Protein backbone atom coordinates (compact mmCIF):
# COMPACT_ATOMS: atom_id res chain seq x y z
CA MET A 1 0.04 -0.02 0.02
CA ASP A 2 1.27 3.37 -0.94
CA ILE A 3 0.48 5.31 2.24
CA LYS A 4 1.29 8.82 0.96
CA GLY A 5 -1.83 10.90 1.30
CA LYS A 6 -3.60 8.14 3.25
CA SER A 7 -5.00 8.26 6.76
CA ALA A 8 -4.16 6.23 9.79
CA VAL A 9 -5.43 5.96 13.36
CA VAL A 10 -2.77 4.91 15.95
CA THR A 11 -4.05 4.33 19.42
CA GLY A 12 -1.91 5.12 22.41
CA SER A 13 0.36 7.22 20.28
CA ALA A 14 1.51 10.05 22.67
CA THR A 15 4.71 8.31 23.58
CA GLY A 16 6.79 5.21 23.07
CA LEU A 17 6.01 2.76 20.31
CA GLY A 18 2.75 4.50 19.36
CA ALA A 19 4.55 7.79 18.84
CA ALA A 20 7.31 6.10 16.82
CA VAL A 21 4.70 4.56 14.56
CA ALA A 22 2.89 7.77 14.11
CA LYS A 23 6.07 9.59 13.20
CA GLY A 24 7.02 6.84 10.83
CA LEU A 25 3.70 7.00 9.05
CA ALA A 26 3.93 10.78 8.87
CA ALA A 27 7.46 10.63 7.38
CA LYS A 28 5.97 8.57 4.59
CA GLY A 29 3.24 11.12 3.90
CA CYS A 30 0.44 9.58 5.85
CA ASN A 31 -2.07 11.73 7.85
CA VAL A 32 -2.42 10.46 11.43
CA VAL A 33 -4.85 10.54 14.33
CA ILE A 34 -2.75 10.88 17.50
CA ASN A 35 -4.65 9.25 20.37
CA TYR A 36 -3.98 9.63 24.08
CA THR A 37 -5.85 9.22 27.44
CA LYS A 38 -3.76 11.31 29.88
CA SER A 39 -0.50 12.50 28.19
CA GLU A 40 -1.75 15.48 26.41
CA ALA A 41 1.50 17.39 26.34
CA GLU A 42 3.39 14.51 24.87
CA ALA A 43 0.61 13.89 22.37
CA ARG A 44 0.84 17.50 21.21
CA GLU A 45 4.65 17.03 20.81
CA THR A 46 4.13 13.91 18.73
CA ALA A 47 1.47 15.69 16.58
CA LEU A 48 3.89 18.58 15.94
CA ALA A 49 6.72 16.17 15.00
CA CYS A 50 4.32 14.42 12.54
CA GLU A 51 3.21 17.79 11.02
CA ALA A 52 6.84 18.68 10.55
CA SER A 53 6.75 15.96 7.78
CA GLY A 54 4.09 17.95 5.93
CA VAL A 55 1.05 15.84 6.94
CA GLU A 56 -2.11 16.65 8.88
CA THR A 57 -2.97 15.27 12.28
CA ILE A 58 -5.92 15.02 14.59
CA LEU A 59 -5.32 15.02 18.31
CA CYS A 60 -7.88 12.81 20.02
CA GLN A 61 -8.32 12.06 23.66
CA ALA A 62 -10.15 8.83 23.85
CA ASN A 63 -10.25 5.54 25.82
CA VAL A 64 -10.45 2.50 23.62
CA ALA A 65 -12.26 0.68 26.27
CA ASP A 66 -15.19 2.93 25.45
CA ASP A 67 -16.83 1.92 22.22
CA ALA A 68 -18.28 5.45 21.69
CA ASP A 69 -14.67 6.86 21.84
CA CYS A 70 -13.59 4.29 19.33
CA ARG A 71 -16.27 5.21 16.91
CA ARG A 72 -15.57 8.93 17.47
CA MET A 73 -11.92 8.45 16.52
CA ALA A 74 -12.70 6.57 13.34
CA ASP A 75 -15.37 9.07 12.33
CA ALA A 76 -13.20 11.97 12.93
CA ALA A 77 -10.56 10.53 10.56
CA ALA A 78 -13.08 9.80 7.92
CA ALA A 79 -14.69 13.21 8.22
CA LYS A 80 -11.44 14.99 7.72
CA TRP A 81 -9.69 12.70 5.25
CA GLY A 82 -12.49 10.76 3.59
CA THR A 83 -11.76 7.32 5.01
CA VAL A 84 -9.59 5.24 7.35
CA ASP A 85 -6.85 3.37 5.55
CA VAL A 86 -4.65 2.12 8.36
CA LEU A 87 -5.36 1.15 11.99
CA VAL A 88 -2.54 0.43 14.53
CA ASN A 89 -3.97 -0.91 17.79
CA ASN A 90 -1.08 0.16 20.08
CA ALA A 91 -3.01 1.25 23.23
CA GLY A 92 -2.38 -1.13 26.07
CA THR A 93 -2.35 -1.53 29.90
CA THR A 94 -1.13 -3.86 32.50
CA ARG A 95 -0.75 -4.38 36.25
CA PHE A 96 2.61 -5.52 37.37
CA ALA A 97 2.20 -8.67 39.55
CA ASN A 98 4.24 -11.72 40.37
CA ALA A 99 2.73 -14.73 38.59
CA ALA A 100 3.35 -16.92 41.66
CA ASP A 101 1.20 -14.69 43.86
CA LEU A 102 -2.30 -15.68 42.96
CA ASP A 103 -3.75 -12.97 45.18
CA ALA A 104 -1.88 -10.19 43.40
CA LEU A 105 -4.56 -9.98 40.74
CA SER A 106 -8.31 -9.66 41.02
CA GLY A 107 -11.14 -10.43 38.66
CA GLU A 108 -11.45 -6.76 38.15
CA ASP A 109 -7.81 -6.49 37.27
CA PHE A 110 -8.35 -9.02 34.49
CA LEU A 111 -11.49 -7.25 33.19
CA ASP A 112 -9.72 -3.79 33.22
CA ILE A 113 -6.68 -5.13 31.18
CA TYR A 114 -8.90 -7.02 28.80
CA ALA A 115 -11.06 -3.96 28.29
CA VAL A 116 -8.19 -2.10 26.80
CA ASN A 117 -5.88 -4.83 25.32
CA VAL A 118 -8.55 -7.01 23.73
CA VAL A 119 -11.98 -5.40 23.68
CA GLY A 120 -10.52 -2.00 22.92
CA ALA A 121 -8.66 -3.39 19.88
CA TYR A 122 -11.82 -5.22 18.75
CA GLN A 123 -13.92 -2.04 19.08
CA MET A 124 -11.36 0.02 17.13
CA ILE A 125 -11.39 -2.56 14.28
CA ARG A 126 -15.17 -2.63 14.31
CA ALA A 127 -15.22 1.25 14.08
CA CYS A 128 -12.68 1.41 11.16
CA ALA A 129 -13.73 -1.63 9.15
CA PRO A 130 -16.73 -0.18 7.36
CA TYR A 131 -14.54 2.60 5.89
CA MET A 132 -11.88 0.14 4.79
CA ARG A 133 -14.43 -2.22 3.28
CA LYS A 134 -16.19 0.53 1.51
CA GLN A 135 -13.01 1.45 -0.34
CA GLY A 136 -11.94 -2.17 -0.79
CA MET A 137 -8.76 -2.06 1.18
CA GLY A 138 -7.20 -1.40 4.55
CA ALA A 139 -4.47 -2.57 6.88
CA VAL A 140 -4.65 -3.32 10.60
CA VAL A 141 -1.66 -4.04 12.84
CA ASN A 142 -2.28 -5.17 16.45
CA VAL A 143 0.57 -4.56 18.79
CA SER A 144 0.74 -7.69 20.89
CA SER A 145 3.70 -9.05 22.95
CA ILE A 146 5.95 -11.99 23.25
CA THR A 147 4.23 -12.57 26.58
CA GLY A 148 1.11 -13.69 24.65
CA ILE A 149 3.18 -16.63 23.28
CA ALA A 150 5.49 -17.30 26.24
CA GLY A 151 3.20 -16.67 29.15
CA ASN A 152 5.64 -14.42 30.96
CA GLY A 153 5.81 -10.64 31.40
CA SER A 154 4.34 -8.12 33.77
CA SER A 155 1.39 -10.23 34.91
CA VAL A 156 -0.66 -13.30 34.10
CA ALA A 157 -3.54 -11.02 33.08
CA TYR A 158 -1.37 -9.19 30.63
CA ALA A 159 -0.01 -12.28 29.04
CA ALA A 160 -3.46 -13.80 28.71
CA SER A 161 -4.77 -10.63 27.19
CA LYS A 162 -2.02 -10.64 24.54
CA GLY A 163 -2.62 -14.36 23.82
CA ALA A 164 -6.31 -13.36 23.24
CA LEU A 165 -5.22 -10.55 20.95
CA ASN A 166 -3.12 -13.02 18.91
CA THR A 167 -6.08 -15.34 18.48
CA MET A 168 -8.35 -12.45 17.56
CA THR A 169 -5.84 -11.36 14.89
CA LEU A 170 -6.24 -14.91 13.32
CA SER A 171 -10.04 -14.83 13.57
CA LEU A 172 -10.48 -11.38 12.05
CA ALA A 173 -7.83 -11.95 9.31
CA ARG A 174 -10.14 -14.81 8.06
CA ALA A 175 -13.35 -12.77 8.50
CA LEU A 176 -12.30 -9.41 7.02
CA GLY A 177 -10.29 -10.53 3.98
CA PRO A 178 -9.84 -9.87 1.16
CA GLU A 179 -10.33 -6.13 1.73
CA ILE A 180 -8.62 -5.86 5.10
CA ARG A 181 -5.25 -7.37 6.05
CA MET A 182 -4.91 -8.14 9.74
CA ASN A 183 -1.53 -8.81 11.44
CA ALA A 184 0.14 -8.53 14.82
CA VAL A 185 3.64 -7.74 16.07
CA CYS A 186 4.93 -9.32 19.21
CA PRO A 187 7.83 -7.29 20.69
CA GLY A 188 9.96 -8.50 23.50
CA LEU A 189 11.29 -5.86 25.86
CA ILE A 190 10.99 -2.36 24.51
CA GLN A 191 13.09 0.45 26.03
CA SER A 192 10.43 2.79 27.21
CA ARG A 193 9.30 5.14 29.95
CA TRP A 194 6.21 2.88 30.41
CA LEU A 195 8.30 -0.17 31.29
CA LYS A 196 10.78 1.85 33.35
CA ASN A 197 7.91 3.30 35.47
CA GLY A 198 6.42 -0.16 35.92
CA LEU A 199 9.53 -2.02 36.94
CA GLY A 200 11.40 0.81 38.58
CA GLU A 201 14.78 2.07 37.46
CA GLU A 202 16.93 -0.67 38.97
CA LYS A 203 14.89 -3.64 37.73
CA TYR A 204 14.41 -1.92 34.35
CA ALA A 205 18.19 -1.44 33.89
CA ALA A 206 18.82 -5.02 34.92
CA ALA A 207 16.17 -6.31 32.43
CA VAL A 208 17.68 -4.24 29.52
CA ARG A 209 21.14 -5.55 30.46
CA ARG A 210 19.93 -9.12 30.61
CA ILE A 211 18.40 -8.82 27.05
CA GLU A 212 21.63 -7.30 25.75
CA GLU A 213 23.69 -10.11 27.22
CA THR A 214 21.55 -13.10 26.48
CA THR A 215 19.51 -12.73 23.29
CA PRO A 216 21.00 -14.01 20.03
CA LEU A 217 21.19 -10.46 18.54
CA ARG A 218 22.42 -8.97 21.86
CA LYS A 219 20.01 -6.00 21.44
CA ALA A 220 17.34 -4.40 23.49
CA SER A 221 14.67 -3.04 21.14
CA THR A 222 13.73 0.65 20.85
CA PRO A 223 10.32 1.87 19.85
CA GLU A 224 11.78 2.74 16.46
CA ASP A 225 12.94 -0.92 15.94
CA ILE A 226 9.44 -2.24 16.44
CA ALA A 227 7.87 0.57 14.42
CA GLU A 228 9.95 -0.49 11.36
CA VAL A 229 8.17 -3.79 11.35
CA VAL A 230 4.74 -2.21 11.92
CA LEU A 231 5.29 0.06 8.91
CA TRP A 232 6.43 -2.93 6.77
CA LEU A 233 3.21 -4.69 7.60
CA VAL A 234 1.26 -1.63 6.63
CA GLU A 235 2.83 -0.72 3.38
CA GLY A 236 5.03 -3.53 2.16
CA ALA A 237 3.31 -6.82 3.06
CA ALA A 238 0.53 -7.04 0.44
CA HIS A 239 0.31 -10.84 0.64
CA VAL A 240 0.63 -11.14 4.50
CA THR A 241 -2.35 -11.54 6.75
CA GLY A 242 -3.14 -13.50 9.93
CA GLU A 243 0.48 -13.40 11.05
CA THR A 244 1.98 -12.77 14.43
CA ILE A 245 5.53 -11.57 13.97
CA LEU A 246 7.92 -11.91 16.85
CA VAL A 247 10.19 -8.89 17.03
CA ASP A 248 12.38 -9.63 20.12
CA ALA A 249 16.05 -9.93 19.07
CA GLY A 250 15.65 -13.67 19.29
CA LEU A 251 14.44 -13.70 22.95
CA HIS A 252 11.95 -16.43 22.19
CA LEU A 253 14.67 -18.87 21.03
CA GLY A 254 15.78 -19.31 24.61
CA PHE A 255 12.35 -20.04 26.18
CA GLY A 256 12.85 -23.86 25.75
CA HIS A 257 16.16 -23.86 27.64
CA ARG A 258 15.19 -22.08 30.78
């Protein structure tokens, strides 16, 4: 897909991977909806960075767990640019909890995490799909996680939600073709403020160091590293749908030996 002049909605795009994806799309001439829930100042900075590439942006405060907010985002893009060509479901949440402590998570924690990571992605797809189908083409990339395959990560609820997102990617790739391509990326550790805040500086530094010392590629991914794969799935993977692509510097290759 030639994305120059096209339009994209990127959820959770104020900072981190979402911001990197938005900027990458803008650099290729794609107009972008910048979505945030709380980080308005950072979202405005991301929007300005995108506009520096000569594209238009829409700044949209919205919670993907709210279906009305999802429809509002899709409709705003279509009203301004005629349709929605690209959707990147990047918004996500977690609760950091030791998997061995079964009292660390409540049923409400699971529901809150699923509301954003799974239901929110579904609602965004549902909101954007009619526009994509009407024009006969569209690309969706769901930002999942290696935890959805390995069952590790910040919490059992988070890993389970990403496993569900991977399965949903398969289901909707079948259901929405041939007009809409549906894929997912599964990053390993991403160097980000979000992870640093969740783990704390000391544990975060140790996690980055461990990835750099033990993965086959000896690299800890940046948001830009993952964004490259997202952009490829959007614009260069015309015959790819229903895939979950692991982007983790080879971290998954060691799971069977731990």
